[in-house]
Amino acid sequence: MEFEHIPVLYNEVMEALDIRPDGIYVDGTVGGGGHSSGICGRLSQAGTLIAVDRDTAALEAASARLAEYECRKRFLHANYSDTDIIAEAAGRKVDGILLDLGVSSFQLDNAERGFSYMHDAPMDMRMNEDDILTAYEVVNGYSEKELARIIREYGEEKWAARIAQFIVRERANDPIRSTGQLTEIIKAAIPARARRTGPHPAKRTFQAIRIEVNDELGHLKEAVSKLPDLLESGGRLAVISFHSLEDRIVKNEFDRRLDPCTCPKEFPVCVCGKVADVKKVTRKPVTPSEEELEINPRARSAKLRVIEKL
């Protein structure tokens, strides 16, 4: 299958990274190479792109797409939270880092990966196919209480308890083996009146299971807390999130970096000596224009936040 992905907030990302021709830039979620194409197109032969992804199919597609560019390129099969691996590949502090979070269009549209409720496929949802945990284990092995917690917290689904109850009841007869089965169970669990409005009834539950399978929020928190340490002075970290859970983590970690003081609030002055080593580039999140949304509706919930190393 051809790896097609429309890069979200493309122009805004290129402006935010403020790319130097001879710099070193990290695309921590290279996907099909959409944003990386823009980075490479702005780099000279002395510049370097470090392309990182958990998905080997993404790396293969990005390698082919970026072959025409003359800058140096390193492709890493790793997670963007693997900061030691990224730092070793860079060899020095870097000039910019991009994270484009969530699941790619390729993964959603590739039915056999099991990410989409629009296709009937095996219960997988792994971004890294070498990982052990799959959606099958989550859906068929987690307790009703744990399923409800995951669906409620990661999917922000008001019918989480009822969906978990229906899943457990159904799997008692036979394991739930396909995304099509799961989608029908979710539809049955949500009352008809609630299904008439809003997104597809399975959207939030599929999101929750995918986040659990890939530990997306854990990796994100670790990455956003550590990646600024890899930046050269003037280097920028740009993060595109797609739902409130991701954006909250990015905002909180950025705020912690911007105000690292650990003194008790009642202290009149700071005595801990911790000072900010970054500054905000975006005062508030950058969101897609109406023109972009007409071309790429999947960008609707995207938010871009950027900080710069002092």
C-alpha atoms as a PDB file:
ATOM      1  CA  MET A   1       0.000   0.000   0.000  1.00  0.00           C
ATOM      2  CA  GLU A   2       1.272   3.473  -0.875  1.00  0.00           C
ATOM      3  CA  PHE A   3       2.017   5.638   2.137  1.00  0.00           C
ATOM      4  CA  GLU A   4      -0.034   8.792   1.667  1.00  0.00           C
ATOM      5  CA  HIS A   5      -0.289  11.396   4.384  1.00  0.00           C
ATOM      6  CA  ILE A   6      -1.222  15.057   4.078  1.00  0.00           C
ATOM      7  CA  PRO A   7       1.045  16.932   6.506  1.00  0.00           C
ATOM      8  CA  VAL A   8      -0.999  18.973   8.958  1.00  0.00           C
ATOM      9  CA  LEU A   9      -0.175  22.662   9.525  1.00  0.00           C
ATOM     10  CA  TYR A  10       2.658  22.303   7.010  1.00  0.00           C
ATOM     11  CA  ASN A  11       3.377  25.986   6.423  1.00  0.00           C
ATOM     12  CA  GLU A  12       3.001  26.820  10.102  1.00  0.00           C
ATOM     13  CA  VAL A  13       5.468  24.063  11.054  1.00  0.00           C
ATOM     14  CA  MET A  14       8.054  25.210   8.517  1.00  0.00           C
ATOM     15  CA  GLU A  15       7.808  28.761   9.838  1.00  0.00           C
ATOM     16  CA  ALA A  16       7.951  27.613  13.460  1.00  0.00           C
ATOM     17  CA  LEU A  17      11.093  25.504  12.975  1.00  0.00           C
ATOM     18  CA  ASP A  18      12.892  28.479  11.342  1.00  0.00           C
ATOM     19  CA  ILE A  19      15.140  26.041   9.447  1.00  0.00           C
ATOM     20  CA  ARG A  20      18.833  26.799   8.970  1.00  0.00           C
ATOM     21  CA  PRO A  21      20.319  25.209   5.801  1.00  0.00           C
ATOM     22  CA  ASP A  22      23.213  23.596   7.688  1.00  0.00           C
ATOM     23  CA  GLY A  23      21.283  22.633  10.813  1.00  0.00           C
ATOM     24  CA  ILE A  24      20.300  19.299  12.352  1.00  0.00           C
ATOM     25  CA  TYR A  25      16.557  18.634  12.582  1.00  0.00           C
ATOM     26  CA  VAL A  26      14.631  15.743  14.109  1.00  0.00           C
ATOM     27  CA  ASP A  27      11.262  14.557  12.836  1.00  0.00           C
ATOM     28  CA  GLY A  28      10.235  12.323  15.721  1.00  0.00           C
ATOM     29  CA  THR A  29       7.156  11.011  13.893  1.00  0.00           C
ATOM     30  CA  VAL A  30       8.310  10.932  10.278  1.00  0.00           C
ATOM     31  CA  GLY A  31       5.304   8.961   8.957  1.00  0.00           C
ATOM     32  CA  GLY A  32       5.311   9.165   5.176  1.00  0.00           C
ATOM     33  CA  GLY A  33       7.778  12.064   5.204  1.00  0.00           C
ATOM     34  CA  GLY A  34       5.391  14.943   4.511  1.00  0.00           C
ATOM     35  CA  HIS A  35       6.850  17.406   7.006  1.00  0.00           C
ATOM     36  CA  SER A  36      10.325  15.947   6.507  1.00  0.00           C
ATOM     37  CA  SER A  37      10.123  16.767   2.795  1.00  0.00           C
ATOM     38  CA  GLY A  38       9.676  20.395   3.739  1.00  0.00           C
ATOM     39  CA  ILE A  39      12.594  20.238   6.165  1.00  0.00           C
ATOM     40  CA  CYS A  40      14.889  18.523   3.657  1.00  0.00           C
ATOM     41  CA  GLY A  41      13.904  20.982   0.961  1.00  0.00           C
ATOM     42  CA  ARG A  42      15.240  23.771   3.163  1.00  0.00           C
ATOM     43  CA  LEU A  43      18.479  21.994   4.119  1.00  0.00           C
ATOM     44  CA  SER A  44      21.744  22.146   2.200  1.00  0.00           C
ATOM     45  CA  GLN A  45      24.148  19.247   1.720  1.00  0.00           C
ATOM     46  CA  ALA A  46      25.638  20.251   5.085  1.00  0.00           C
ATOM     47  CA  GLY A  47      22.268  19.910   6.839  1.00  0.00           C
ATOM     48  CA  THR A  48      20.945  16.757   8.504  1.00  0.00           C
ATOM     49  CA  LEU A  49      17.516  15.237   9.005  1.00  0.00           C
ATOM     50  CA  ILE A  50      17.073  12.575  11.680  1.00  0.00           C
ATOM     51  CA  ALA A  51      13.855  10.722  10.858  1.00  0.00           C
ATOM     52  CA  VAL A  52      12.364   8.697  13.717  1.00  0.00           C
ATOM     53  CA  ASP A  53       9.358   6.376  13.727  1.00  0.00           C
ATOM     54  CA  ARG A  54       8.057   3.320  15.584  1.00  0.00           C
ATOM     55  CA  ASP A  55       6.641   1.961  12.346  1.00  0.00           C
ATOM     56  CA  THR A  56       9.081   0.256   9.960  1.00  0.00           C
ATOM     57  CA  ALA A  57       6.638   0.730   7.077  1.00  0.00           C
ATOM     58  CA  ALA A  58       6.718   4.469   7.724  1.00  0.00           C
ATOM     59  CA  LEU A  59      10.515   4.535   7.705  1.00  0.00           C
ATOM     60  CA  GLU A  60      10.658   2.616   4.432  1.00  0.00           C
ATOM     61  CA  ALA A  61       8.155   4.976   2.822  1.00  0.00           C
ATOM     62  CA  ALA A  62       9.911   8.073   4.153  1.00  0.00           C
ATOM     63  CA  SER A  63      13.300   6.812   2.972  1.00  0.00           C
ATOM     64  CA  ALA A  64      11.977   6.407  -0.562  1.00  0.00           C
ATOM     65  CA  ARG A  65      10.200   9.769  -0.535  1.00  0.00           C
ATOM     66  CA  LEU A  66      13.209  11.674   0.794  1.00  0.00           C
ATOM     67  CA  ALA A  67      15.811  10.010  -1.441  1.00  0.00           C
ATOM     68  CA  GLU A  68      15.788  12.929  -3.903  1.00  0.00           C
ATOM     69  CA  TYR A  69      17.024  15.412  -1.315  1.00  0.00           C
ATOM     70  CA  GLU A  70      20.747  16.050  -0.931  1.00  0.00           C
ATOM     71  CA  CYS A  71      20.908  16.696   2.801  1.00  0.00           C
ATOM     72  CA  ARG A  72      22.280  14.064   5.156  1.00  0.00           C
ATOM     73  CA  LYS A  73      19.605  11.690   6.460  1.00  0.00           C
ATOM     74  CA  ARG A  74      19.474   9.225   9.345  1.00  0.00           C
ATOM     75  CA  PHE A  75      16.515   6.868   9.785  1.00  0.00           C
ATOM     76  CA  LEU A  76      15.902   5.512  13.285  1.00  0.00           C
ATOM     77  CA  HIS A  77      13.481   2.722  14.192  1.00  0.00           C
ATOM     78  CA  ALA A  78      12.747   4.116  17.631  1.00  0.00           C
ATOM     79  CA  ASN A  79      10.236   6.031  19.706  1.00  0.00           C
ATOM     80  CA  TYR A  80      10.459   9.799  19.949  1.00  0.00           C
ATOM     81  CA  SER A  81      10.870   9.289  23.710  1.00  0.00           C
ATOM     82  CA  ASP A  82      14.156   7.413  23.073  1.00  0.00           C
ATOM     83  CA  THR A  83      16.134  10.608  23.579  1.00  0.00           C
ATOM     84  CA  ASP A  84      19.462   8.828  24.155  1.00  0.00           C
ATOM     85  CA  ILE A  85      19.215   7.120  20.747  1.00  0.00           C
ATOM     86  CA  ILE A  86      18.281  10.400  19.063  1.00  0.00           C
ATOM     87  CA  ALA A  87      21.108  12.281  20.785  1.00  0.00           C
ATOM     88  CA  GLU A  88      23.644   9.653  19.741  1.00  0.00           C
ATOM     89  CA  ALA A  89      22.468   9.817  16.119  1.00  0.00           C
ATOM     90  CA  ALA A  90      22.718  13.622  16.119  1.00  0.00           C
ATOM     91  CA  GLY A  91      26.200  13.748  17.596  1.00  0.00           C
ATOM     92  CA  ARG A  92      25.581  17.261  18.961  1.00  0.00           C
ATOM     93  CA  LYS A  93      22.726  19.507  20.059  1.00  0.00           C
ATOM     94  CA  VAL A  94      20.055  19.864  17.377  1.00  0.00           C
ATOM     95  CA  ASP A  95      18.401  22.933  15.852  1.00  0.00           C
ATOM     96  CA  GLY A  96      14.824  21.765  15.770  1.00  0.00           C
ATOM     97  CA  ILE A  97      12.497  18.897  16.687  1.00  0.00           C
ATOM     98  CA  LEU A  98       9.012  18.115  15.385  1.00  0.00           C
ATOM     99  CA  LEU A  99       6.429  15.738  16.838  1.00  0.00           C
ATOM    100  CA  ASP A 100       3.241  15.138  14.820  1.00  0.00           C
ATOM    101  CA  LEU A 101       1.267  12.984  17.236  1.00  0.00           C
ATOM    102  CA  GLY A 102      -1.431  10.374  16.890  1.00  0.00           C
ATOM    103  CA  VAL A 103      -2.080   7.836  14.166  1.00  0.00           C
ATOM    104  CA  SER A 104      -1.142   8.556  10.554  1.00  0.00           C
ATOM    105  CA  SER A 105      -3.497   8.485   7.587  1.00  0.00           C
ATOM    106  CA  PHE A 106      -1.558   5.504   6.255  1.00  0.00           C
ATOM    107  CA  GLN A 107      -2.136   3.528   9.444  1.00  0.00           C
ATOM    108  CA  LEU A 108      -5.830   4.426   9.489  1.00  0.00           C
ATOM    109  CA  ASP A 109      -6.316   3.557   5.824  1.00  0.00           C
ATOM    110  CA  ASN A 110      -4.274   0.343   5.955  1.00  0.00           C
ATOM    111  CA  ALA A 111      -7.096  -1.953   7.057  1.00  0.00           C
ATOM    112  CA  GLU A 112      -4.937  -4.877   8.177  1.00  0.00           C
ATOM    113  CA  ARG A 113      -3.344  -2.765  10.938  1.00  0.00           C
ATOM    114  CA  GLY A 114      -6.661  -2.628  12.804  1.00  0.00           C
ATOM    115  CA  PHE A 115      -6.609   1.095  13.671  1.00  0.00           C
ATOM    116  CA  SER A 116      -9.868   2.043  11.974  1.00  0.00           C
ATOM    117  CA  TYR A 117     -13.477   1.336  12.875  1.00  0.00           C
ATOM    118  CA  MET A 118     -14.267   1.821   9.178  1.00  0.00           C
ATOM    119  CA  HIS A 119     -12.598  -1.458   8.150  1.00  0.00           C
ATOM    120  CA  ASP A 120     -13.010  -5.006   9.446  1.00  0.00           C
ATOM    121  CA  ALA A 121      -9.562  -6.260  10.444  1.00  0.00           C
ATOM    122  CA  PRO A 122      -7.696  -8.247  13.111  1.00  0.00           C
ATOM    123  CA  MET A 123      -7.464  -6.590  16.535  1.00  0.00           C
ATOM    124  CA  ASP A 124      -3.943  -5.168  16.349  1.00  0.00           C
ATOM    125  CA  MET A 125      -3.419  -1.355  16.572  1.00  0.00           C
ATOM    126  CA  ARG A 126       0.343  -1.580  17.206  1.00  0.00           C
ATOM    127  CA  MET A 127       2.391   1.298  15.827  1.00  0.00           C
ATOM    128  CA  ASN A 128       5.498  -0.828  16.316  1.00  0.00           C
ATOM    129  CA  GLU A 129       4.784  -4.306  15.007  1.00  0.00           C
ATOM    130  CA  ASP A 130       7.564  -5.694  17.229  1.00  0.00           C
ATOM    131  CA  ASP A 131       5.615  -4.792  20.380  1.00  0.00           C
ATOM    132  CA  ILE A 132       3.829  -7.577  22.241  1.00  0.00           C
ATOM    133  CA  LEU A 133       0.626  -5.921  23.460  1.00  0.00           C
ATOM    134  CA  THR A 134      -2.158  -5.728  20.862  1.00  0.00           C
ATOM    135  CA  ALA A 135      -5.767  -4.570  20.897  1.00  0.00           C
ATOM    136  CA  TYR A 136      -6.798  -8.246  21.068  1.00  0.00           C
ATOM    137  CA  GLU A 137      -5.127  -8.633  24.485  1.00  0.00           C
ATOM    138  CA  VAL A 138      -6.632  -5.389  25.769  1.00  0.00           C
ATOM    139  CA  VAL A 139     -10.193  -6.145  24.627  1.00  0.00           C
ATOM    140  CA  ASN A 140     -10.184  -9.812  25.609  1.00  0.00           C
ATOM    141  CA  GLY A 141      -7.862  -9.784  28.623  1.00  0.00           C
ATOM    142  CA  TYR A 142      -8.476  -6.613  30.625  1.00  0.00           C
ATOM    143  CA  SER A 143     -11.065  -6.614  33.410  1.00  0.00           C
ATOM    144  CA  GLU A 144     -14.332  -4.782  32.966  1.00  0.00           C
ATOM    145  CA  LYS A 145     -13.139  -2.152  35.460  1.00  0.00           C
ATOM    146  CA  GLU A 146      -9.879  -1.584  33.588  1.00  0.00           C
ATOM    147  CA  LEU A 147     -11.617  -1.411  30.224  1.00  0.00           C
ATOM    148  CA  ALA A 148     -14.064   1.162  31.564  1.00  0.00           C
ATOM    149  CA  ARG A 149     -11.219   3.250  33.001  1.00  0.00           C
ATOM    150  CA  ILE A 150      -9.247   3.218  29.747  1.00  0.00           C
ATOM    151  CA  ILE A 151     -12.256   4.069  27.592  1.00  0.00           C
ATOM    152  CA  ARG A 152     -13.333   6.826  29.982  1.00  0.00           C
ATOM    153  CA  GLU A 153      -9.877   8.386  30.513  1.00  0.00           C
ATOM    154  CA  TYR A 154      -8.256   7.913  27.105  1.00  0.00           C
ATOM    155  CA  GLY A 155     -11.385   8.143  24.986  1.00  0.00           C
ATOM    156  CA  GLU A 156     -13.265  10.656  27.132  1.00  0.00           C
ATOM    157  CA  GLU A 157     -16.310   8.485  26.446  1.00  0.00           C
ATOM    158  CA  LYS A 158     -19.379   9.066  28.655  1.00  0.00           C
ATOM    159  CA  TRP A 159     -20.684   5.542  27.919  1.00  0.00           C
ATOM    160  CA  ALA A 160     -17.411   3.874  28.973  1.00  0.00           C
ATOM    161  CA  ALA A 161     -18.875   1.675  31.719  1.00  0.00           C
ATOM    162  CA  ARG A 162     -21.688   0.421  29.483  1.00  0.00           C
ATOM    163  CA  ILE A 163     -19.288  -0.264  26.575  1.00  0.00           C
ATOM    164  CA  ALA A 164     -16.961  -2.221  28.883  1.00  0.00           C
ATOM    165  CA  GLN A 165     -19.936  -4.198  30.203  1.00  0.00           C
ATOM    166  CA  PHE A 166     -21.048  -5.118  26.681  1.00  0.00           C
ATOM    167  CA  ILE A 167     -17.493  -6.109  25.668  1.00  0.00           C
ATOM    168  CA  VAL A 168     -17.072  -8.412  28.667  1.00  0.00           C
ATOM    169  CA  ARG A 169     -20.498  -9.971  28.132  1.00  0.00           C
ATOM    170  CA  GLU A 170     -19.790 -10.625  24.453  1.00  0.00           C
ATOM    171  CA  ARG A 171     -16.299 -12.071  24.939  1.00  0.00           C
ATOM    172  CA  ALA A 172     -17.637 -14.548  27.516  1.00  0.00           C
ATOM    173  CA  ASN A 173     -19.181 -16.432  24.576  1.00  0.00           C
ATOM    174  CA  ASP A 174     -16.225 -16.157  22.214  1.00  0.00           C
ATOM    175  CA  PRO A 175     -13.136 -13.901  21.964  1.00  0.00           C
ATOM    176  CA  ILE A 176     -13.582 -10.658  20.048  1.00  0.00           C
ATOM    177  CA  ARG A 177     -11.246 -11.126  17.103  1.00  0.00           C
ATOM    178  CA  SER A 178     -11.968  -8.286  14.681  1.00  0.00           C
ATOM    179  CA  THR A 179     -12.467  -4.537  14.650  1.00  0.00           C
ATOM    180  CA  GLY A 180     -15.803  -5.077  12.902  1.00  0.00           C
ATOM    181  CA  GLN A 181     -17.058  -7.152  15.842  1.00  0.00           C
ATOM    182  CA  LEU A 182     -15.866  -4.538  18.312  1.00  0.00           C
ATOM    183  CA  THR A 183     -17.526  -1.718  16.377  1.00  0.00           C
ATOM    184  CA  GLU A 184     -20.889  -3.501  16.440  1.00  0.00           C
ATOM    185  CA  ILE A 185     -20.590  -4.153  20.184  1.00  0.00           C
ATOM    186  CA  ILE A 186     -19.867  -0.453  20.816  1.00  0.00           C
ATOM    187  CA  LYS A 187     -22.826   0.572  18.676  1.00  0.00           C
ATOM    188  CA  ALA A 188     -25.090  -1.778  20.652  1.00  0.00           C
ATOM    189  CA  ALA A 189     -23.820  -0.377  23.953  1.00  0.00           C
ATOM    190  CA  ILE A 190     -24.500   3.274  23.120  1.00  0.00           C
ATOM    191  CA  PRO A 191     -28.215   4.202  23.150  1.00  0.00           C
ATOM    192  CA  ALA A 192     -29.655   5.099  19.749  1.00  0.00           C
ATOM    193  CA  ARG A 193     -30.403   8.693  20.747  1.00  0.00           C
ATOM    194  CA  ALA A 194     -26.725   9.247  21.625  1.00  0.00           C
ATOM    195  CA  ARG A 195     -25.569   7.770  18.304  1.00  0.00           C
ATOM    196  CA  ARG A 196     -27.519  10.285  16.247  1.00  0.00           C
ATOM    197  CA  THR A 197     -25.173  13.193  16.947  1.00  0.00           C
ATOM    198  CA  GLY A 198     -21.433  13.675  17.200  1.00  0.00           C
ATOM    199  CA  PRO A 199     -18.637  11.514  15.773  1.00  0.00           C
ATOM    200  CA  HIS A 200     -18.832   7.827  14.888  1.00  0.00           C
ATOM    201  CA  PRO A 201     -19.891   5.931  18.047  1.00  0.00           C
ATOM    202  CA  ALA A 202     -16.712   3.800  17.987  1.00  0.00           C
ATOM    203  CA  LYS A 203     -14.270   6.684  17.528  1.00  0.00           C
ATOM    204  CA  ARG A 204     -13.540   7.398  21.192  1.00  0.00           C
ATOM    205  CA  THR A 205     -13.248   3.739  22.206  1.00  0.00           C
ATOM    206  CA  PHE A 206     -10.880   2.938  19.338  1.00  0.00           C
ATOM    207  CA  GLN A 207      -8.783   5.962  20.278  1.00  0.00           C
ATOM    208  CA  ALA A 208      -8.640   4.779  23.894  1.00  0.00           C
ATOM    209  CA  ILE A 209      -7.574   1.233  23.018  1.00  0.00           C
ATOM    210  CA  ARG A 210      -4.937   2.511  20.566  1.00  0.00           C
ATOM    211  CA  ILE A 211      -3.488   4.831  23.215  1.00  0.00           C
ATOM    212  CA  GLU A 212      -3.334   1.961  25.702  1.00  0.00           C
ATOM    213  CA  VAL A 213      -1.727  -0.467  23.243  1.00  0.00           C
ATOM    214  CA  ASN A 214       1.006   2.019  22.315  1.00  0.00           C
ATOM    215  CA  ASP A 215       1.370   3.788  25.692  1.00  0.00           C
ATOM    216  CA  GLU A 216       1.111   7.021  23.728  1.00  0.00           C
ATOM    217  CA  LEU A 217       0.574   9.370  26.651  1.00  0.00           C
ATOM    218  CA  GLY A 218       3.415   7.879  28.693  1.00  0.00           C
ATOM    219  CA  HIS A 219       5.860   8.234  25.807  1.00  0.00           C
ATOM    220  CA  LEU A 220       4.631  11.761  25.089  1.00  0.00           C
ATOM    221  CA  LYS A 221       5.106  12.970  28.663  1.00  0.00           C
ATOM    222  CA  GLU A 222       8.617  11.511  28.792  1.00  0.00           C
ATOM    223  CA  ALA A 223       9.535  12.940  25.388  1.00  0.00           C
ATOM    224  CA  VAL A 224       8.288  16.481  25.980  1.00  0.00           C
ATOM    225  CA  SER A 225      10.104  16.625  29.314  1.00  0.00           C
ATOM    226  CA  LYS A 226      13.434  15.462  27.821  1.00  0.00           C
ATOM    227  CA  LEU A 227      13.565  16.655  24.204  1.00  0.00           C
ATOM    228  CA  PRO A 228      14.301  20.323  25.078  1.00  0.00           C
ATOM    229  CA  ASP A 229      17.622  19.097  26.536  1.00  0.00           C
ATOM    230  CA  LEU A 230      18.659  18.049  23.018  1.00  0.00           C
ATOM    231  CA  LEU A 231      18.180  21.543  21.588  1.00  0.00           C
ATOM    232  CA  GLU A 232      20.910  24.010  20.721  1.00  0.00           C
ATOM    233  CA  SER A 233      20.397  27.587  21.916  1.00  0.00           C
ATOM    234  CA  GLY A 234      17.778  29.030  19.564  1.00  0.00           C
ATOM    235  CA  GLY A 235      16.569  25.546  18.617  1.00  0.00           C
ATOM    236  CA  ARG A 236      12.843  24.879  18.645  1.00  0.00           C
ATOM    237  CA  LEU A 237      10.529  22.058  19.679  1.00  0.00           C
ATOM    238  CA  ALA A 238       7.220  21.982  17.786  1.00  0.00           C
ATOM    239  CA  VAL A 239       4.440  19.573  18.779  1.00  0.00           C
ATOM    240  CA  ILE A 240       1.172  18.943  16.934  1.00  0.00           C
ATOM    241  CA  SER A 241      -1.489  17.277  19.099  1.00  0.00           C
ATOM    242  CA  PHE A 242      -4.901  15.988  18.043  1.00  0.00           C
ATOM    243  CA  HIS A 243      -6.944  15.608  21.206  1.00  0.00           C
ATOM    244  CA  SER A 244      -7.230  17.228  24.605  1.00  0.00           C
ATOM    245  CA  LEU A 245      -5.265  14.548  26.463  1.00  0.00           C
ATOM    246  CA  GLU A 246      -2.206  15.066  24.263  1.00  0.00           C
ATOM    247  CA  ASP A 247      -2.506  18.838  24.253  1.00  0.00           C
ATOM    248  CA  ARG A 248      -2.840  18.946  28.047  1.00  0.00           C
ATOM    249  CA  ILE A 249       0.383  16.978  28.477  1.00  0.00           C
ATOM    250  CA  VAL A 250       2.246  19.203  25.999  1.00  0.00           C
ATOM    251  CA  LYS A 251       0.927  22.395  27.634  1.00  0.00           C
ATOM    252  CA  ASN A 252       1.723  21.206  31.171  1.00  0.00           C
ATOM    253  CA  GLU A 253       5.241  20.045  30.301  1.00  0.00           C
ATOM    254  CA  PHE A 254       5.952  23.275  28.421  1.00  0.00           C
ATOM    255  CA  ASP A 255       4.625  25.303  31.377  1.00  0.00           C
ATOM    256  CA  ARG A 256       6.793  23.317  33.788  1.00  0.00           C
ATOM    257  CA  ARG A 257       9.817  24.132  31.660  1.00  0.00           C
ATOM    258  CA  LEU A 258       8.826  27.785  31.398  1.00  0.00           C
ATOM    259  CA  ASP A 259       8.378  28.078  35.163  1.00  0.00           C
ATOM    260  CA  PRO A 260      10.624  25.476  36.833  1.00  0.00           C
ATOM    261  CA  CYS A 261      10.623  27.094  40.294  1.00  0.00           C
ATOM    262  CA  THR A 262       9.846  24.519  43.005  1.00  0.00           C
ATOM    263  CA  CYS A 263       9.630  26.956  45.926  1.00  0.00           C
ATOM    264  CA  PRO A 264       6.453  26.873  48.038  1.00  0.00           C
ATOM    265  CA  LYS A 265       3.888  29.344  46.757  1.00  0.00           C
ATOM    266  CA  GLU A 266       3.961  31.292  50.025  1.00  0.00           C
ATOM    267  CA  PHE A 267       7.660  32.196  49.560  1.00  0.00           C
ATOM    268  CA  PRO A 268       7.927  35.894  48.606  1.00  0.00           C
ATOM    269  CA  VAL A 269      10.958  35.247  46.362  1.00  0.00           C
ATOM    270  CA  CYS A 270      12.477  32.212  44.641  1.00  0.00           C
ATOM    271  CA  VAL A 271      15.280  30.522  46.579  1.00  0.00           C
ATOM    272  CA  CYS A 272      15.541  27.232  44.639  1.00  0.00           C
ATOM    273  CA  GLY A 273      17.544  28.922  41.867  1.00  0.00           C
ATOM    274  CA  LYS A 274      15.768  27.118  39.038  1.00  0.00           C
ATOM    275  CA  VAL A 275      15.231  29.341  36.022  1.00  0.00           C
ATOM    276  CA  ALA A 276      13.557  28.788  32.655  1.00  0.00           C
ATOM    277  CA  ASP A 277      15.763  27.565  29.813  1.00  0.00           C
ATOM    278  CA  VAL A 278      13.060  27.925  27.150  1.00  0.00           C
ATOM    279  CA  LYS A 279      10.631  30.577  25.934  1.00  0.00           C
ATOM    280  CA  LYS A 280       7.277  30.420  24.171  1.00  0.00           C
ATOM    281  CA  VAL A 281       7.175  30.897  20.415  1.00  0.00           C
ATOM    282  CA  THR A 282       3.397  30.403  20.171  1.00  0.00           C
ATOM    283  CA  ARG A 283       1.414  32.400  22.744  1.00  0.00           C
ATOM    284  CA  LYS A 284      -1.578  30.120  22.145  1.00  0.00           C
ATOM    285  CA  PRO A 285      -1.977  26.941  20.063  1.00  0.00           C
ATOM    286  CA  VAL A 286      -1.887  27.373  16.283  1.00  0.00           C
ATOM    287  CA  THR A 287      -4.844  25.699  14.560  1.00  0.00           C
ATOM    288  CA  PRO A 288      -5.592  24.913  10.887  1.00  0.00           C
ATOM    289  CA  SER A 289      -7.089  27.503   8.595  1.00  0.00           C
ATOM    290  CA  GLU A 290     -10.464  27.006   6.949  1.00  0.00           C
ATOM    291  CA  GLU A 291      -8.625  26.534   3.631  1.00  0.00           C
ATOM    292  CA  GLU A 292      -6.600  23.652   5.075  1.00  0.00           C
ATOM    293  CA  LEU A 293      -9.668  22.015   6.580  1.00  0.00           C
ATOM    294  CA  GLU A 294     -11.359  21.975   3.198  1.00  0.00           C
ATOM    295  CA  ILE A 295      -8.428  19.984   1.822  1.00  0.00           C
ATOM    296  CA  ASN A 296      -7.752  17.828   4.881  1.00  0.00           C
ATOM    297  CA  PRO A 297     -10.711  17.408   7.297  1.00  0.00           C
ATOM    298  CA  ARG A 298      -8.583  15.129   9.510  1.00  0.00           C
ATOM    299  CA  ALA A 299      -6.656  18.232  10.584  1.00  0.00           C
ATOM    300  CA  ARG A 300      -9.705  19.677  12.353  1.00  0.00           C
ATOM    301  CA  SER A 301      -8.564  18.999  15.924  1.00  0.00           C
ATOM    302  CA  ALA A 302      -4.859  19.759  15.379  1.00  0.00           C
ATOM    303  CA  LYS A 303      -3.055  22.168  17.710  1.00  0.00           C
ATOM    304  CA  LEU A 304       0.556  23.305  17.307  1.00  0.00           C
ATOM    305  CA  ARG A 305       2.610  24.497  20.282  1.00  0.00           C
ATOM    306  CA  VAL A 306       6.231  25.656  19.991  1.00  0.00           C
ATOM    307  CA  ILE A 307       8.994  26.546  22.451  1.00  0.00           C
ATOM    308  CA  GLU A 308      12.552  27.771  21.848  1.00  0.00           C
ATOM    309  CA  LYS A 309      15.696  26.922  23.836  1.00  0.00           C
ATOM    310  CA  LEU A 310      17.394  29.937  25.396  1.00  0.00           C
END
